[in-house]
Amino acid sequence: LSGWIRQIHSYLTGNLGIHIWISYAIFF
């Protein structure tokens, strides 16, 4: 699960260009 979450975070920030803090907010 943690690896899956890390992949989603990398996709959001790397591929979609979403700011890191917005990605954290999405997970929150």
PDB file of all heavy atoms in Angstrom:
ATOM      1  N   LEU A   1       0.827  -1.203   0.000  1.00  0.00           N
ATOM      2  CA  LEU A   1       0.000   0.000   0.000  1.00  0.00           C
ATOM      3  C   LEU A   1       0.866   1.260   0.000  1.00  0.00           C
ATOM      4  O   LEU A   1       0.604   2.201  -0.744  1.00  0.00           O
ATOM      5  CB  LEU A   1      -0.939   0.009   1.202  1.00  0.00           C
ATOM      6  CG  LEU A   1      -1.825   1.248   1.366  1.00  0.00           C
ATOM      7  CD1 LEU A   1      -2.779   1.381   0.177  1.00  0.00           C
ATOM      8  CD2 LEU A   1      -2.591   1.181   2.678  1.00  0.00           C
ATOM      9  N   SER A   2       1.919   1.253   0.813  1.00  0.00           N
ATOM     10  CA  SER A   2       2.790   2.434   0.860  1.00  0.00           C
ATOM     11  C   SER A   2       3.495   2.653  -0.476  1.00  0.00           C
ATOM     12  O   SER A   2       3.671   3.785  -0.925  1.00  0.00           O
ATOM     13  CB  SER A   2       3.802   2.334   1.997  1.00  0.00           C
ATOM     14  OG  SER A   2       4.772   1.347   1.725  1.00  0.00           O
ATOM     15  N   GLY A   3       3.881   1.572  -1.141  1.00  0.00           N
ATOM     16  CA  GLY A   3       4.487   1.698  -2.474  1.00  0.00           C
ATOM     17  C   GLY A   3       3.502   2.235  -3.492  1.00  0.00           C
ATOM     18  O   GLY A   3       3.846   3.064  -4.340  1.00  0.00           O
ATOM     19  N   TRP A   4       2.257   1.787  -3.393  1.00  0.00           N
ATOM     20  CA  TRP A   4       1.198   2.256  -4.282  1.00  0.00           C
ATOM     21  C   TRP A   4       0.939   3.746  -4.073  1.00  0.00           C
ATOM     22  O   TRP A   4       0.811   4.512  -5.018  1.00  0.00           O
ATOM     23  CB  TRP A   4      -0.051   1.414  -4.032  1.00  0.00           C
ATOM     24  CG  TRP A   4      -1.202   1.706  -4.918  1.00  0.00           C
ATOM     25  CD1 TRP A   4      -1.295   1.454  -6.261  1.00  0.00           C
ATOM     26  CD2 TRP A   4      -2.439   2.308  -4.527  1.00  0.00           C
ATOM     27  NE1 TRP A   4      -2.522   1.852  -6.719  1.00  0.00           N
ATOM     28  CE2 TRP A   4      -3.249   2.383  -5.674  1.00  0.00           C
ATOM     29  CE3 TRP A   4      -2.944   2.778  -3.321  1.00  0.00           C
ATOM     30  CZ2 TRP A   4      -4.520   2.913  -5.651  1.00  0.00           C
ATOM     31  CZ3 TRP A   4      -4.215   3.306  -3.304  1.00  0.00           C
ATOM     32  CH2 TRP A   4      -4.985   3.368  -4.451  1.00  0.00           C
ATOM     33  N   ILE A   5       0.891   4.169  -2.807  1.00  0.00           N
ATOM     34  CA  ILE A   5       0.687   5.586  -2.487  1.00  0.00           C
ATOM     35  C   ILE A   5       1.848   6.428  -3.019  1.00  0.00           C
ATOM     36  O   ILE A   5       1.653   7.505  -3.574  1.00  0.00           O
ATOM     37  CB  ILE A   5       0.495   5.781  -0.969  1.00  0.00           C
ATOM     38  CG1 ILE A   5      -0.861   5.204  -0.552  1.00  0.00           C
ATOM     39  CG2 ILE A   5       0.605   7.249  -0.572  1.00  0.00           C
ATOM     40  CD1 ILE A   5      -1.065   5.125   0.946  1.00  0.00           C
ATOM     41  N   ARG A   6       3.064   5.916  -2.868  1.00  0.00           N
ATOM     42  CA  ARG A   6       4.237   6.631  -3.370  1.00  0.00           C
ATOM     43  C   ARG A   6       4.173   6.780  -4.897  1.00  0.00           C
ATOM     44  O   ARG A   6       4.516   7.825  -5.443  1.00  0.00           O
ATOM     45  CB  ARG A   6       5.509   5.888  -2.948  1.00  0.00           C
ATOM     46  CG  ARG A   6       6.783   6.636  -3.203  1.00  0.00           C
ATOM     47  CD  ARG A   6       8.023   6.003  -2.575  1.00  0.00           C
ATOM     48  NE  ARG A   6       8.087   4.565  -2.651  1.00  0.00           N
ATOM     49  CZ  ARG A   6       7.978   3.750  -1.601  1.00  0.00           C
ATOM     50  NH1 ARG A   6       7.798   4.232  -0.402  1.00  0.00           N
ATOM     51  NH2 ARG A   6       8.055   2.435  -1.748  1.00  0.00           N
ATOM     52  N   GLN A   7       3.706   5.742  -5.597  1.00  0.00           N
ATOM     53  CA  GLN A   7       3.569   5.819  -7.052  1.00  0.00           C
ATOM     54  C   GLN A   7       2.521   6.858  -7.459  1.00  0.00           C
ATOM     55  O   GLN A   7       2.725   7.607  -8.424  1.00  0.00           O
ATOM     56  CB  GLN A   7       3.199   4.458  -7.629  1.00  0.00           C
ATOM     57  CG  GLN A   7       4.338   3.474  -7.626  1.00  0.00           C
ATOM     58  CD  GLN A   7       3.906   2.111  -8.142  1.00  0.00           C
ATOM     59  OE1 GLN A   7       2.731   1.775  -8.164  1.00  0.00           O
ATOM     60  NE2 GLN A   7       4.881   1.307  -8.534  1.00  0.00           N
ATOM     61  N   ILE A   8       1.403   6.878  -6.737  1.00  0.00           N
ATOM     62  CA  ILE A   8       0.358   7.870  -7.041  1.00  0.00           C
ATOM     63  C   ILE A   8       0.892   9.275  -6.803  1.00  0.00           C
ATOM     64  O   ILE A   8       0.682  10.181  -7.619  1.00  0.00           O
ATOM     65  CB  ILE A   8      -0.911   7.610  -6.196  1.00  0.00           C
ATOM     66  CG1 ILE A   8      -1.577   6.314  -6.644  1.00  0.00           C
ATOM     67  CG2 ILE A   8      -1.891   8.771  -6.316  1.00  0.00           C
ATOM     68  CD1 ILE A   8      -2.720   5.881  -5.755  1.00  0.00           C
ATOM     69  N   HIS A   9       1.593   9.469  -5.689  1.00  0.00           N
ATOM     70  CA  HIS A   9       2.173  10.778  -5.382  1.00  0.00           C
ATOM     71  C   HIS A   9       3.149  11.205  -6.494  1.00  0.00           C
ATOM     72  O   HIS A   9       3.122  12.355  -6.952  1.00  0.00           O
ATOM     73  CB  HIS A   9       2.869  10.740  -4.025  1.00  0.00           C
ATOM     74  CG  HIS A   9       3.577  12.004  -3.671  1.00  0.00           C
ATOM     75  ND1 HIS A   9       2.910  13.167  -3.350  1.00  0.00           N
ATOM     76  CD2 HIS A   9       4.906  12.289  -3.603  1.00  0.00           C
ATOM     77  CE1 HIS A   9       3.790  14.114  -3.096  1.00  0.00           C
ATOM     78  NE2 HIS A   9       5.015  13.604  -3.240  1.00  0.00           N
ATOM     79  N   SER A  10       3.997  10.283  -6.938  1.00  0.00           N
ATOM     80  CA  SER A  10       4.950  10.591  -8.009  1.00  0.00           C
ATOM     81  C   SER A  10       4.224  10.931  -9.303  1.00  0.00           C
ATOM     82  O   SER A  10       4.636  11.840 -10.033  1.00  0.00           O
ATOM     83  CB  SER A  10       5.887   9.405  -8.247  1.00  0.00           C
ATOM     84  OG  SER A  10       6.683   9.192  -7.125  1.00  0.00           O
ATOM     85  N   TYR A  11       3.139  10.235  -9.591  1.00  0.00           N
ATOM     86  CA  TYR A  11       2.356  10.515 -10.792  1.00  0.00           C
ATOM     87  C   TYR A  11       1.728  11.910 -10.716  1.00  0.00           C
ATOM     88  O   TYR A  11       1.780  12.678 -11.676  1.00  0.00           O
ATOM     89  CB  TYR A  11       1.277   9.450 -10.986  1.00  0.00           C
ATOM     90  CG  TYR A  11       0.383   9.720 -12.170  1.00  0.00           C
ATOM     91  CD1 TYR A  11       0.835   9.478 -13.465  1.00  0.00           C
ATOM     92  CD2 TYR A  11      -0.901  10.222 -11.997  1.00  0.00           C
ATOM     93  CE1 TYR A  11       0.022   9.745 -14.561  1.00  0.00           C
ATOM     94  CE2 TYR A  11      -1.726  10.487 -13.080  1.00  0.00           C
ATOM     95  CZ  TYR A  11      -1.253  10.244 -14.364  1.00  0.00           C
ATOM     96  OH  TYR A  11      -2.059  10.510 -15.440  1.00  0.00           O
ATOM     97  N   LEU A  12       1.139  12.207  -9.552  1.00  0.00           N
ATOM     98  CA  LEU A  12       0.492  13.511  -9.392  1.00  0.00           C
ATOM     99  C   LEU A  12       1.488  14.656  -9.518  1.00  0.00           C
ATOM    100  O   LEU A  12       1.222  15.660 -10.172  1.00  0.00           O
ATOM    101  CB  LEU A  12      -0.220  13.593  -8.041  1.00  0.00           C
ATOM    102  CG  LEU A  12      -1.457  12.714  -7.849  1.00  0.00           C
ATOM    103  CD1 LEU A  12      -1.964  12.798  -6.410  1.00  0.00           C
ATOM    104  CD2 LEU A  12      -2.553  13.103  -8.823  1.00  0.00           C
ATOM    105  N   THR A  13       2.637  14.516  -8.870  1.00  0.00           N
ATOM    106  CA  THR A  13       3.615  15.608  -8.867  1.00  0.00           C
ATOM    107  C   THR A  13       4.480  15.625 -10.124  1.00  0.00           C
ATOM    108  O   THR A  13       4.813  16.692 -10.630  1.00  0.00           O
ATOM    109  CB  THR A  13       4.515  15.540  -7.621  1.00  0.00           C
ATOM    110  OG1 THR A  13       5.178  14.272  -7.594  1.00  0.00           O
ATOM    111  CG2 THR A  13       3.713  15.746  -6.354  1.00  0.00           C
ATOM    112  N   GLY A  14       4.852  14.450 -10.621  1.00  0.00           N
ATOM    113  CA  GLY A  14       5.746  14.384 -11.775  1.00  0.00           C
ATOM    114  C   GLY A  14       5.035  14.508 -13.107  1.00  0.00           C
ATOM    115  O   GLY A  14       5.379  15.364 -13.928  1.00  0.00           O
ATOM    116  N   ASN A  15       4.039  13.677 -13.326  1.00  0.00           N
ATOM    117  CA  ASN A  15       3.364  13.643 -14.631  1.00  0.00           C
ATOM    118  C   ASN A  15       2.330  14.750 -14.791  1.00  0.00           C
ATOM    119  O   ASN A  15       2.211  15.339 -15.862  1.00  0.00           O
ATOM    120  CB  ASN A  15       2.695  12.282 -14.849  1.00  0.00           C
ATOM    121  CG  ASN A  15       3.712  11.173 -14.959  1.00  0.00           C
ATOM    122  OD1 ASN A  15       4.896  11.378 -14.766  1.00  0.00           O
ATOM    123  ND2 ASN A  15       3.244   9.977 -15.256  1.00  0.00           N
ATOM    124  N   LEU A  16       1.567  14.997 -13.731  1.00  0.00           N
ATOM    125  CA  LEU A  16       0.515  16.012 -13.836  1.00  0.00           C
ATOM    126  C   LEU A  16       0.977  17.397 -13.409  1.00  0.00           C
ATOM    127  O   LEU A  16       0.260  18.378 -13.614  1.00  0.00           O
ATOM    128  CB  LEU A  16      -0.704  15.592 -12.997  1.00  0.00           C
ATOM    129  CG  LEU A  16      -1.384  14.282 -13.402  1.00  0.00           C
ATOM    130  CD1 LEU A  16      -2.578  14.008 -12.514  1.00  0.00           C
ATOM    131  CD2 LEU A  16      -1.803  14.312 -14.867  1.00  0.00           C
ATOM    132  N   GLY A  17       2.143  17.479 -12.788  1.00  0.00           N
ATOM    133  CA  GLY A  17       2.696  18.775 -12.392  1.00  0.00           C
ATOM    134  C   GLY A  17       2.004  19.418 -11.208  1.00  0.00           C
ATOM    135  O   GLY A  17       2.114  20.631 -11.006  1.00  0.00           O
ATOM    136  N   ILE A  18       1.307  18.631 -10.405  1.00  0.00           N
ATOM    137  CA  ILE A  18       0.620  19.163  -9.221  1.00  0.00           C
ATOM    138  C   ILE A  18       1.662  19.446  -8.139  1.00  0.00           C
ATOM    139  O   ILE A  18       2.595  18.672  -7.948  1.00  0.00           O
ATOM    140  CB  ILE A  18      -0.440  18.161  -8.720  1.00  0.00           C
ATOM    141  CG1 ILE A  18      -1.556  18.025  -9.752  1.00  0.00           C
ATOM    142  CG2 ILE A  18      -1.006  18.563  -7.373  1.00  0.00           C
ATOM    143  CD1 ILE A  18      -2.586  16.966  -9.432  1.00  0.00           C
ATOM    144  N   HIS A  19       1.510  20.552  -7.449  1.00  0.00           N
ATOM    145  CA  HIS A  19       2.429  20.914  -6.373  1.00  0.00           C
ATOM    146  C   HIS A  19       2.378  19.848  -5.275  1.00  0.00           C
ATOM    147  O   HIS A  19       1.334  19.249  -5.024  1.00  0.00           O
ATOM    148  CB  HIS A  19       2.066  22.295  -5.804  1.00  0.00           C
ATOM    149  CG  HIS A  19       3.128  22.853  -4.909  1.00  0.00           C
ATOM    150  ND1 HIS A  19       3.178  22.572  -3.572  1.00  0.00           N
ATOM    151  CD2 HIS A  19       4.197  23.656  -5.176  1.00  0.00           C
ATOM    152  CE1 HIS A  19       4.218  23.177  -3.041  1.00  0.00           C
ATOM    153  NE2 HIS A  19       4.858  23.848  -4.007  1.00  0.00           N
ATOM    154  N   ILE A  20       3.512  19.636  -4.623  1.00  0.00           N
ATOM    155  CA  ILE A  20       3.626  18.598  -3.588  1.00  0.00           C
ATOM    156  C   ILE A  20       2.572  18.775  -2.499  1.00  0.00           C
ATOM    157  O   ILE A  20       1.938  17.803  -2.072  1.00  0.00           O
ATOM    158  CB  ILE A  20       5.047  18.603  -2.980  1.00  0.00           C
ATOM    159  CG1 ILE A  20       6.059  18.089  -4.006  1.00  0.00           C
ATOM    160  CG2 ILE A  20       5.108  17.748  -1.725  1.00  0.00           C
ATOM    161  CD1 ILE A  20       7.488  18.203  -3.584  1.00  0.00           C
ATOM    162  N   TRP A  21       2.370  19.991  -2.046  1.00  0.00           N
ATOM    163  CA  TRP A  21       1.428  20.223  -0.950  1.00  0.00           C
ATOM    164  C   TRP A  21      -0.012  19.951  -1.365  1.00  0.00           C
ATOM    165  O   TRP A  21      -0.836  19.524  -0.555  1.00  0.00           O
ATOM    166  CB  TRP A  21       1.576  21.640  -0.388  1.00  0.00           C
ATOM    167  CG  TRP A  21       2.864  21.759   0.375  1.00  0.00           C
ATOM    168  CD1 TRP A  21       3.998  22.391  -0.023  1.00  0.00           C
ATOM    169  CD2 TRP A  21       3.153  21.171   1.651  1.00  0.00           C
ATOM    170  NE1 TRP A  21       4.981  22.254   0.923  1.00  0.00           N
ATOM    171  CE2 TRP A  21       4.490  21.507   1.968  1.00  0.00           C
ATOM    172  CE3 TRP A  21       2.431  20.403   2.553  1.00  0.00           C
ATOM    173  CZ2 TRP A  21       5.101  21.101   3.144  1.00  0.00           C
ATOM    174  CZ3 TRP A  21       3.047  19.997   3.726  1.00  0.00           C
ATOM    175  CH2 TRP A  21       4.367  20.354   4.003  1.00  0.00           C
ATOM    176  N   ILE A  22      -0.322  20.165  -2.625  1.00  0.00           N
ATOM    177  CA  ILE A  22      -1.666  19.836  -3.118  1.00  0.00           C
ATOM    178  C   ILE A  22      -1.850  18.318  -3.136  1.00  0.00           C
ATOM    179  O   ILE A  22      -2.916  17.794  -2.779  1.00  0.00           O
ATOM    180  CB  ILE A  22      -1.916  20.460  -4.507  1.00  0.00           C
ATOM    181  CG1 ILE A  22      -1.927  21.989  -4.386  1.00  0.00           C
ATOM    182  CG2 ILE A  22      -3.226  19.959  -5.110  1.00  0.00           C
ATOM    183  CD1 ILE A  22      -2.010  22.716  -5.714  1.00  0.00           C
ATOM    184  N   SER A  23      -0.794  17.594  -3.524  1.00  0.00           N
ATOM    185  CA  SER A  23      -0.839  16.130  -3.482  1.00  0.00           C
ATOM    186  C   SER A  23      -1.072  15.647  -2.054  1.00  0.00           C
ATOM    187  O   SER A  23      -1.885  14.750  -1.808  1.00  0.00           O
ATOM    188  CB  SER A  23       0.460  15.548  -4.035  1.00  0.00           C
ATOM    189  OG  SER A  23       0.477  14.149  -3.889  1.00  0.00           O
ATOM    190  N   TYR A  24      -0.368  16.260  -1.091  1.00  0.00           N
ATOM    191  CA  TYR A  24      -0.573  15.896   0.318  1.00  0.00           C
ATOM    192  C   TYR A  24      -2.013  16.177   0.742  1.00  0.00           C
ATOM    193  O   TYR A  24      -2.620  15.381   1.466  1.00  0.00           O
ATOM    194  CB  TYR A  24       0.378  16.666   1.224  1.00  0.00           C
ATOM    195  CG  TYR A  24       1.834  16.283   1.101  1.00  0.00           C
ATOM    196  CD1 TYR A  24       2.824  17.166   1.500  1.00  0.00           C
ATOM    197  CD2 TYR A  24       2.234  15.053   0.605  1.00  0.00           C
ATOM    198  CE1 TYR A  24       4.170  16.843   1.412  1.00  0.00           C
ATOM    199  CE2 TYR A  24       3.566  14.714   0.503  1.00  0.00           C
ATOM    200  CZ  TYR A  24       4.529  15.612   0.903  1.00  0.00           C
ATOM    201  OH  TYR A  24       5.849  15.282   0.819  1.00  0.00           O
ATOM    202  N   ALA A  25      -2.554  17.287   0.285  1.00  0.00           N
ATOM    203  CA  ALA A  25      -3.938  17.642   0.623  1.00  0.00           C
ATOM    204  C   ALA A  25      -4.910  16.616   0.039  1.00  0.00           C
ATOM    205  O   ALA A  25      -5.893  16.234   0.689  1.00  0.00           O
ATOM    206  CB  ALA A  25      -4.271  19.048   0.124  1.00  0.00           C
ATOM    207  N   ILE A  26      -4.639  16.155  -1.159  1.00  0.00           N
ATOM    208  CA  ILE A  26      -5.492  15.136  -1.788  1.00  0.00           C
ATOM    209  C   ILE A  26      -5.473  13.857  -0.954  1.00  0.00           C
ATOM    210  O   ILE A  26      -6.523  13.259  -0.676  1.00  0.00           O
ATOM    211  CB  ILE A  26      -5.047  14.870  -3.243  1.00  0.00           C
ATOM    212  CG1 ILE A  26      -5.362  16.082  -4.116  1.00  0.00           C
ATOM    213  CG2 ILE A  26      -5.705  13.606  -3.790  1.00  0.00           C
ATOM    214  CD1 ILE A  26      -4.749  16.024  -5.505  1.00  0.00           C
ATOM    215  N   PHE A  27      -4.280  13.439  -0.522  1.00  0.00           N
ATOM    216  CA  PHE A  27      -4.183  12.228   0.306  1.00  0.00           C
ATOM    217  C   PHE A  27      -4.846  12.436   1.667  1.00  0.00           C
ATOM    218  O   PHE A  27      -5.478  11.520   2.204  1.00  0.00           O
ATOM    219  CB  PHE A  27      -2.722  11.797   0.485  1.00  0.00           C
ATOM    220  CG  PHE A  27      -2.176  11.083  -0.712  1.00  0.00           C
ATOM    221  CD1 PHE A  27      -1.237  11.676  -1.533  1.00  0.00           C
ATOM    222  CD2 PHE A  27      -2.613   9.810  -1.031  1.00  0.00           C
ATOM    223  CE1 PHE A  27      -0.744  11.015  -2.641  1.00  0.00           C
ATOM    224  CE2 PHE A  27      -2.125   9.132  -2.129  1.00  0.00           C
ATOM    225  CZ  PHE A  27      -1.188   9.741  -2.944  1.00  0.00           C
ATOM    226  N   PHE A  28      -4.716  13.625   2.225  1.00  0.00           N
ATOM    227  CA  PHE A  28      -5.368  13.928   3.496  1.00  0.00           C
ATOM    228  C   PHE A  28      -6.881  13.804   3.363  1.00  0.00           C
ATOM    229  O   PHE A  28      -7.547  13.162   4.175  1.00  0.00           O
ATOM    230  CB  PHE A  28      -4.972  15.328   3.988  1.00  0.00           C
ATOM    231  CG  PHE A  28      -5.722  15.774   5.200  1.00  0.00           C
ATOM    232  CD1 PHE A  28      -5.395  15.280   6.450  1.00  0.00           C
ATOM    233  CD2 PHE A  28      -6.779  16.671   5.098  1.00  0.00           C
ATOM    234  CE1 PHE A  28      -6.093  15.671   7.578  1.00  0.00           C
ATOM    235  CE2 PHE A  28      -7.484  17.077   6.219  1.00  0.00           C
ATOM    236  CZ  PHE A  28      -7.136  16.568   7.466  1.00  0.00           C
TER     237      PHE A  28
END
